[in-house]
Each structure stands twice: as C-alpha cells, then as structure tokens.
Amino acid sequence: MKVEFYEKVFIALSLVMLAAFAVFLFISVQQHGITLVGPTQRVDPATMLSEPPFDDPGVVETSDGQYLATMIARMWFFTPEVITVPVGSTVTFQVASPDVIHGVKILDTDVNVMVIPGQVSTSKHTFDEVGEYLIVCHEYCGTGHQGMSGKVVVIGADEVDDGAGEGADEGSPDALLPGGEEIAVPEAWRSTEGGRS
C-alpha cells in the first residue's frame, strides 16, 4: 500500500497537534492548580448526624482569615442554608450526605463537588468580593431537587463584628441572615432520618 506524500503530511500534522494539545492541557492544569476532588474521609451515613463534626454543622474560624464550613446535604436542603464570612476569607467546605447523592456548586466560584453518602467531600475557595453566592445541588436527588439551595454571604470588613462565621444554630436546618434574621424551616423537615416529609 502506497501512502501519498500529502497524506503523510496530514498524518504528521495530526500527531503534532495531538502532542501540542496534550502539552497545553498539562500546562493549563499545572498553571491553574486544577485537581480532581476526592473524599477526604469516610463517615457512616446512618450515624453521621450524631457524630462530630456533622452533629453541629456550621462555620468555624480555624485561624486568621481561614474558615471551616461543615455542611450537610440532604433531601432537599443544605444545613446550614446560609454561611456568612468576611471578605478575603478562605473557606474550606466539608460536606457529607446521610441519604442520597447530592452536588454542591457555589455559583461564580470553583467550588463544585459531588457528595456521596459515606464520603466527606472537601473544597476550598477564597471569597475576594462582597456579595451573595448561591449554593445549588447539581445532582438530581428527588422530587424536591429544584428547590435545594443555600447561599454564602460575604460581608465587608465594616460588618465583620455583626456575625461573620455564622451558620446554623445548634445544628438545625434554620439559618441566620447577615442581620440576624432567622430563616424558619418547617418542623416536618427537621427529621434526623434524612429529609423532608
């Protein structure tokens, strides 16, 4: 079989382009620090709601400007629903689920993880701009999936004394808005067995 000169040129160009794409992909991943998010630890979905740290979800300042947000994703809400941190904070999100697969996507950030029962998913983001960042579940989790949301409220330095680091109160699905106003969650949804009825 005879391969024409022009065919050899196109084959060679195709191989060069494939190699170039692989190099560009590798450089992009290294330059931007892109990694696959995996489980950082394992939990028992049946008992996680009664064991630390998921027995008291919320936000804790671990060091100056560093926060740990412990979240529970369950049908069909996040606990806490509102997380408040000061601008410039680096927040590490650790999320687990006691019931089904969920997703956590914080819009306008690079936080995007799948939450699988039995695993703790972790992601980190630095919030450099004041505002509200919507948290949505991006994995279909049942009939109430479309209403499963929360938010991260990033407040300015002048508001820090008014409640940065607030989250859920005593591990309940209730959350506080920046001004201290409570968001009520119906009593039927407070079941520790895993969701709304």
C-alpha atoms as a PDB file:
ATOM      1  CA  MET A   1       0.000   0.000   0.000  1.00  0.00           C
ATOM      2  CA  LYS A   2       1.354   3.359  -1.025  1.00  0.00           C
ATOM      3  CA  VAL A   3       0.768   6.378   1.201  1.00  0.00           C
ATOM      4  CA  GLU A   4       0.771   9.629  -0.694  1.00  0.00           C
ATOM      5  CA  PHE A   5       3.067  12.479   0.361  1.00  0.00           C
ATOM      6  CA  TYR A   6       0.135  14.769   1.279  1.00  0.00           C
ATOM      7  CA  GLU A   7      -1.397  12.032   3.448  1.00  0.00           C
ATOM      8  CA  LYS A   8       1.918  11.687   5.290  1.00  0.00           C
ATOM      9  CA  VAL A   9       1.970  15.447   5.860  1.00  0.00           C
ATOM     10  CA  PHE A  10      -1.586  15.437   7.284  1.00  0.00           C
ATOM     11  CA  ILE A  11      -0.824  12.423   9.495  1.00  0.00           C
ATOM     12  CA  ALA A  12       2.314  14.131  10.801  1.00  0.00           C
ATOM     13  CA  LEU A  13       0.430  17.408  11.418  1.00  0.00           C
ATOM     14  CA  SER A  14      -2.323  15.483  13.249  1.00  0.00           C
ATOM     15  CA  LEU A  15       0.227  13.811  15.523  1.00  0.00           C
ATOM     16  CA  VAL A  16       1.967  17.144  16.198  1.00  0.00           C
ATOM     17  CA  MET A  17      -1.393  18.750  17.046  1.00  0.00           C
ATOM     18  CA  LEU A  18      -2.319  15.906  19.417  1.00  0.00           C
ATOM     19  CA  ALA A  19       1.032  16.232  21.188  1.00  0.00           C
ATOM     20  CA  ALA A  20       0.629  20.026  21.379  1.00  0.00           C
ATOM     21  CA  PHE A  21      -2.896  19.684  22.852  1.00  0.00           C
ATOM     22  CA  ALA A  22      -1.592  17.248  25.487  1.00  0.00           C
ATOM     23  CA  VAL A  23       1.220  19.667  26.425  1.00  0.00           C
ATOM     24  CA  PHE A  24      -1.190  22.638  26.595  1.00  0.00           C
ATOM     25  CA  LEU A  25      -3.598  20.621  28.744  1.00  0.00           C
ATOM     26  CA  PHE A  26      -0.810  19.628  31.135  1.00  0.00           C
ATOM     27  CA  ILE A  27       0.457  23.235  31.390  1.00  0.00           C
ATOM     28  CA  SER A  28      -3.093  24.549  31.991  1.00  0.00           C
ATOM     29  CA  VAL A  29      -3.738  22.034  34.757  1.00  0.00           C
ATOM     30  CA  GLN A  30      -0.432  22.893  36.453  1.00  0.00           C
ATOM     31  CA  GLN A  31      -0.794  26.668  35.962  1.00  0.00           C
ATOM     32  CA  HIS A  32      -4.313  26.875  37.409  1.00  0.00           C
ATOM     33  CA  GLY A  33      -3.947  24.192  40.075  1.00  0.00           C
ATOM     34  CA  ILE A  34      -6.797  22.063  38.724  1.00  0.00           C
ATOM     35  CA  THR A  35      -7.273  18.850  40.672  1.00  0.00           C
ATOM     36  CA  LEU A  36      -9.910  16.181  40.956  1.00  0.00           C
ATOM     37  CA  VAL A  37     -11.783  16.395  44.232  1.00  0.00           C
ATOM     38  CA  GLY A  38     -11.948  13.141  46.135  1.00  0.00           C
ATOM     39  CA  PRO A  39     -13.296  12.090  49.502  1.00  0.00           C
ATOM     40  CA  THR A  40     -11.125  13.282  52.378  1.00  0.00           C
ATOM     41  CA  GLN A  41     -12.615  10.856  54.867  1.00  0.00           C
ATOM     42  CA  ARG A  42     -15.403   8.349  55.308  1.00  0.00           C
ATOM     43  CA  VAL A  43     -18.474   8.566  57.523  1.00  0.00           C
ATOM     44  CA  ASP A  44     -21.320   6.215  58.350  1.00  0.00           C
ATOM     45  CA  PRO A  45     -24.456   7.759  56.778  1.00  0.00           C
ATOM     46  CA  ALA A  46     -26.650   6.105  59.428  1.00  0.00           C
ATOM     47  CA  THR A  47     -24.846   7.732  62.376  1.00  0.00           C
ATOM     48  CA  MET A  48     -23.121  10.816  60.903  1.00  0.00           C
ATOM     49  CA  LEU A  49     -25.765  13.239  62.203  1.00  0.00           C
ATOM     50  CA  SER A  50     -24.957  12.271  65.791  1.00  0.00           C
ATOM     51  CA  GLU A  51     -21.161  12.284  65.466  1.00  0.00           C
ATOM     52  CA  PRO A  52     -18.702  15.184  65.167  1.00  0.00           C
ATOM     53  CA  PRO A  53     -18.324  17.278  63.127  1.00  0.00           C
ATOM     54  CA  PHE A  54     -21.684  16.712  61.439  1.00  0.00           C
ATOM     55  CA  ASP A  55     -23.673  16.735  64.678  1.00  0.00           C
ATOM     56  CA  ASP A  56     -23.079  20.519  64.815  1.00  0.00           C
ATOM     57  CA  PRO A  57     -22.726  21.871  61.262  1.00  0.00           C
ATOM     58  CA  GLY A  58     -21.794  25.493  60.742  1.00  0.00           C
ATOM     59  CA  VAL A  59     -18.821  27.780  60.251  1.00  0.00           C
ATOM     60  CA  VAL A  60     -15.761  27.940  62.497  1.00  0.00           C
ATOM     61  CA  GLU A  61     -12.790  30.284  62.159  1.00  0.00           C
ATOM     62  CA  THR A  62      -9.758  27.979  62.273  1.00  0.00           C
ATOM     63  CA  SER A  63      -7.154  30.760  62.033  1.00  0.00           C
ATOM     64  CA  ASP A  64      -6.971  34.379  60.942  1.00  0.00           C
ATOM     65  CA  GLY A  65      -8.956  34.611  57.685  1.00  0.00           C
ATOM     66  CA  GLN A  66      -9.392  30.824  57.464  1.00  0.00           C
ATOM     67  CA  TYR A  67     -12.811  29.245  57.982  1.00  0.00           C
ATOM     68  CA  LEU A  68     -14.102  25.677  58.028  1.00  0.00           C
ATOM     69  CA  ALA A  69     -17.712  25.284  56.852  1.00  0.00           C
ATOM     70  CA  THR A  70     -19.179  21.931  57.851  1.00  0.00           C
ATOM     71  CA  MET A  71     -22.278  21.258  55.750  1.00  0.00           C
ATOM     72  CA  ILE A  72     -24.854  18.510  55.438  1.00  0.00           C
ATOM     73  CA  ALA A  73     -26.565  17.945  52.099  1.00  0.00           C
ATOM     74  CA  ARG A  74     -29.790  16.024  52.457  1.00  0.00           C
ATOM     75  CA  MET A  75     -33.143  15.802  50.755  1.00  0.00           C
ATOM     76  CA  TRP A  76     -33.855  18.678  49.968  1.00  0.00           C
ATOM     77  CA  PHE A  77     -31.834  21.287  51.802  1.00  0.00           C
ATOM     78  CA  PHE A  78     -28.373  22.201  52.980  1.00  0.00           C
ATOM     79  CA  THR A  79     -27.525  22.647  56.650  1.00  0.00           C
ATOM     80  CA  PRO A  80     -26.655  25.435  57.221  1.00  0.00           C
ATOM     81  CA  GLU A  81     -28.565  27.132  54.436  1.00  0.00           C
ATOM     82  CA  VAL A  82     -26.687  30.419  54.908  1.00  0.00           C
ATOM     83  CA  ILE A  83     -22.964  30.772  55.553  1.00  0.00           C
ATOM     84  CA  THR A  84     -21.630  34.228  56.427  1.00  0.00           C
ATOM     85  CA  VAL A  85     -17.936  35.065  56.163  1.00  0.00           C
ATOM     86  CA  PRO A  86     -15.925  38.287  55.842  1.00  0.00           C
ATOM     87  CA  VAL A  87     -14.450  39.353  52.514  1.00  0.00           C
ATOM     88  CA  GLY A  88     -10.979  37.943  51.890  1.00  0.00           C
ATOM     89  CA  SER A  89     -11.720  34.740  53.808  1.00  0.00           C
ATOM     90  CA  THR A  90     -10.557  31.360  52.616  1.00  0.00           C
ATOM     91  CA  VAL A  91     -13.295  28.843  53.339  1.00  0.00           C
ATOM     92  CA  THR A  92     -12.803  25.093  53.325  1.00  0.00           C
ATOM     93  CA  PHE A  93     -16.121  23.356  52.736  1.00  0.00           C
ATOM     94  CA  GLN A  94     -16.532  19.819  54.094  1.00  0.00           C
ATOM     95  CA  VAL A  95     -19.817  18.290  53.030  1.00  0.00           C
ATOM     96  CA  ALA A  96     -21.439  14.908  53.650  1.00  0.00           C
ATOM     97  CA  SER A  97     -24.834  13.353  52.983  1.00  0.00           C
ATOM     98  CA  PRO A  98     -26.836  10.908  55.085  1.00  0.00           C
ATOM     99  CA  ASP A  99     -29.288   9.948  52.333  1.00  0.00           C
ATOM    100  CA  VAL A 100     -28.611  10.132  48.564  1.00  0.00           C
ATOM    101  CA  ILE A 101     -26.057  11.592  46.160  1.00  0.00           C
ATOM    102  CA  HIS A 102     -26.102  15.390  46.050  1.00  0.00           C
ATOM    103  CA  GLY A 103     -23.943  18.034  44.451  1.00  0.00           C
ATOM    104  CA  VAL A 104     -22.621  21.313  45.807  1.00  0.00           C
ATOM    105  CA  LYS A 105     -21.981  24.071  43.302  1.00  0.00           C
ATOM    106  CA  ILE A 106     -21.347  27.594  44.545  1.00  0.00           C
ATOM    107  CA  LEU A 107     -22.043  29.877  41.627  1.00  0.00           C
ATOM    108  CA  ASP A 108     -19.273  32.240  40.483  1.00  0.00           C
ATOM    109  CA  THR A 109     -16.644  30.151  42.303  1.00  0.00           C
ATOM    110  CA  ASP A 110     -14.680  27.000  41.579  1.00  0.00           C
ATOM    111  CA  VAL A 111     -16.477  25.027  44.321  1.00  0.00           C
ATOM    112  CA  ASN A 112     -18.154  22.122  42.551  1.00  0.00           C
ATOM    113  CA  VAL A 113     -18.260  18.736  44.291  1.00  0.00           C
ATOM    114  CA  MET A 114     -20.343  15.583  44.271  1.00  0.00           C
ATOM    115  CA  VAL A 115     -21.484  14.474  47.723  1.00  0.00           C
ATOM    116  CA  ILE A 116     -21.785  10.711  48.019  1.00  0.00           C
ATOM    117  CA  PRO A 117     -23.273   9.100  51.155  1.00  0.00           C
ATOM    118  CA  GLY A 118     -20.462   7.676  53.254  1.00  0.00           C
ATOM    119  CA  GLN A 119     -17.859  10.134  51.982  1.00  0.00           C
ATOM    120  CA  VAL A 120     -16.818  13.632  53.042  1.00  0.00           C
ATOM    121  CA  SER A 121     -16.213  15.912  50.068  1.00  0.00           C
ATOM    122  CA  THR A 122     -13.916  18.900  50.552  1.00  0.00           C
ATOM    123  CA  SER A 123     -13.304  22.025  48.503  1.00  0.00           C
ATOM    124  CA  LYS A 124     -11.695  25.396  49.240  1.00  0.00           C
ATOM    125  CA  HIS A 125     -12.313  28.916  47.928  1.00  0.00           C
ATOM    126  CA  THR A 126     -11.168  32.433  48.797  1.00  0.00           C
ATOM    127  CA  PHE A 127     -14.000  34.982  48.656  1.00  0.00           C
ATOM    128  CA  ASP A 128     -12.459  38.253  47.456  1.00  0.00           C
ATOM    129  CA  GLU A 129     -15.679  40.106  46.668  1.00  0.00           C
ATOM    130  CA  VAL A 130     -18.565  41.156  48.911  1.00  0.00           C
ATOM    131  CA  GLY A 131     -21.888  39.670  47.872  1.00  0.00           C
ATOM    132  CA  GLU A 132     -24.114  36.618  47.928  1.00  0.00           C
ATOM    133  CA  TYR A 133     -23.080  33.382  46.259  1.00  0.00           C
ATOM    134  CA  LEU A 134     -25.856  30.910  45.517  1.00  0.00           C
ATOM    135  CA  ILE A 135     -25.292  27.277  46.512  1.00  0.00           C
ATOM    136  CA  VAL A 136     -27.186  24.757  44.386  1.00  0.00           C
ATOM    137  CA  CYS A 137     -27.449  20.997  44.252  1.00  0.00           C
ATOM    138  CA  HIS A 138     -26.407  19.881  40.782  1.00  0.00           C
ATOM    139  CA  GLU A 139     -27.080  16.150  41.195  1.00  0.00           C
ATOM    140  CA  TYR A 140     -30.703  15.078  40.873  1.00  0.00           C
ATOM    141  CA  CYS A 141     -31.775  13.951  44.354  1.00  0.00           C
ATOM    142  CA  GLY A 142     -35.527  13.512  44.106  1.00  0.00           C
ATOM    143  CA  THR A 143     -38.726  15.489  43.694  1.00  0.00           C
ATOM    144  CA  GLY A 144     -37.568  18.483  45.758  1.00  0.00           C
ATOM    145  CA  HIS A 145     -34.206  18.812  43.980  1.00  0.00           C
ATOM    146  CA  GLN A 146     -35.046  22.045  42.147  1.00  0.00           C
ATOM    147  CA  GLY A 147     -35.637  23.869  45.441  1.00  0.00           C
ATOM    148  CA  MET A 148     -32.439  22.696  47.140  1.00  0.00           C
ATOM    149  CA  SER A 149     -30.296  25.777  47.602  1.00  0.00           C
ATOM    150  CA  GLY A 150     -28.408  27.872  50.084  1.00  0.00           C
ATOM    151  CA  LYS A 151     -26.014  30.776  49.945  1.00  0.00           C
ATOM    152  CA  VAL A 152     -22.698  32.114  51.080  1.00  0.00           C
ATOM    153  CA  VAL A 153     -22.939  35.722  52.220  1.00  0.00           C
ATOM    154  CA  VAL A 154     -19.636  37.570  52.048  1.00  0.00           C
ATOM    155  CA  ILE A 155     -19.715  40.719  54.155  1.00  0.00           C
ATOM    156  CA  GLY A 156     -17.431  43.730  54.158  1.00  0.00           C
ATOM    157  CA  ALA A 157     -14.840  44.474  56.820  1.00  0.00           C
ATOM    158  CA  ASP A 158     -17.150  47.071  58.409  1.00  0.00           C
ATOM    159  CA  GLU A 159     -19.799  44.377  59.043  1.00  0.00           C
ATOM    160  CA  VAL A 160     -17.497  41.699  60.499  1.00  0.00           C
ATOM    161  CA  ASP A 161     -18.475  42.321  64.134  1.00  0.00           C
ATOM    162  CA  ASP A 162     -22.117  41.711  63.251  1.00  0.00           C
ATOM    163  CA  GLY A 163     -21.771  37.987  62.710  1.00  0.00           C
ATOM    164  CA  ALA A 164     -19.144  36.683  60.331  1.00  0.00           C
ATOM    165  CA  GLY A 165     -18.817  32.958  60.539  1.00  0.00           C
ATOM    166  CA  GLU A 166     -22.472  32.452  61.374  1.00  0.00           C
ATOM    167  CA  GLY A 167     -24.226  29.390  60.115  1.00  0.00           C
ATOM    168  CA  ALA A 168     -26.824  27.087  61.502  1.00  0.00           C
ATOM    169  CA  ASP A 169     -27.938  27.369  65.083  1.00  0.00           C
ATOM    170  CA  GLU A 170     -27.270  24.209  67.115  1.00  0.00           C
ATOM    171  CA  GLY A 171     -27.187  22.009  64.020  1.00  0.00           C
ATOM    172  CA  SER A 172     -30.757  22.709  62.965  1.00  0.00           C
ATOM    173  CA  PRO A 173     -31.731  23.497  59.384  1.00  0.00           C
ATOM    174  CA  ASP A 174     -32.545  27.061  60.492  1.00  0.00           C
ATOM    175  CA  ALA A 175     -30.046  29.647  59.335  1.00  0.00           C
ATOM    176  CA  LEU A 176     -29.347  33.267  60.075  1.00  0.00           C
ATOM    177  CA  LEU A 177     -29.259  36.060  57.560  1.00  0.00           C
ATOM    178  CA  PRO A 178     -26.489  38.674  57.963  1.00  0.00           C
ATOM    179  CA  GLY A 179     -28.738  40.947  60.042  1.00  0.00           C
ATOM    180  CA  GLY A 180     -29.556  38.116  62.438  1.00  0.00           C
ATOM    181  CA  GLU A 181     -32.983  37.416  60.914  1.00  0.00           C
ATOM    182  CA  GLU A 182     -33.778  33.711  61.170  1.00  0.00           C
ATOM    183  CA  ILE A 183     -34.978  31.652  58.235  1.00  0.00           C
ATOM    184  CA  ALA A 184     -37.615  29.269  59.529  1.00  0.00           C
ATOM    185  CA  VAL A 185     -37.667  25.692  58.313  1.00  0.00           C
ATOM    186  CA  PRO A 186     -40.887  23.700  58.819  1.00  0.00           C
ATOM    187  CA  GLU A 187     -40.751  21.290  61.735  1.00  0.00           C
ATOM    188  CA  ALA A 188     -41.518  18.326  59.447  1.00  0.00           C
ATOM    189  CA  TRP A 189     -38.193  18.907  57.655  1.00  0.00           C
ATOM    190  CA  ARG A 190     -36.106  18.692  60.832  1.00  0.00           C
ATOM    191  CA  SER A 191     -36.023  14.911  60.880  1.00  0.00           C
ATOM    192  CA  THR A 192     -32.586  13.449  61.539  1.00  0.00           C
ATOM    193  CA  GLU A 193     -33.682  10.458  59.496  1.00  0.00           C
ATOM    194  CA  GLY A 194     -32.789  12.295  56.316  1.00  0.00           C
ATOM    195  CA  GLY A 195     -35.193  14.756  54.809  1.00  0.00           C
ATOM    196  CA  ARG A 196     -38.462  16.465  54.361  1.00  0.00           C
ATOM    197  CA  SER A 197     -41.659  14.541  54.508  1.00  0.00           C
END
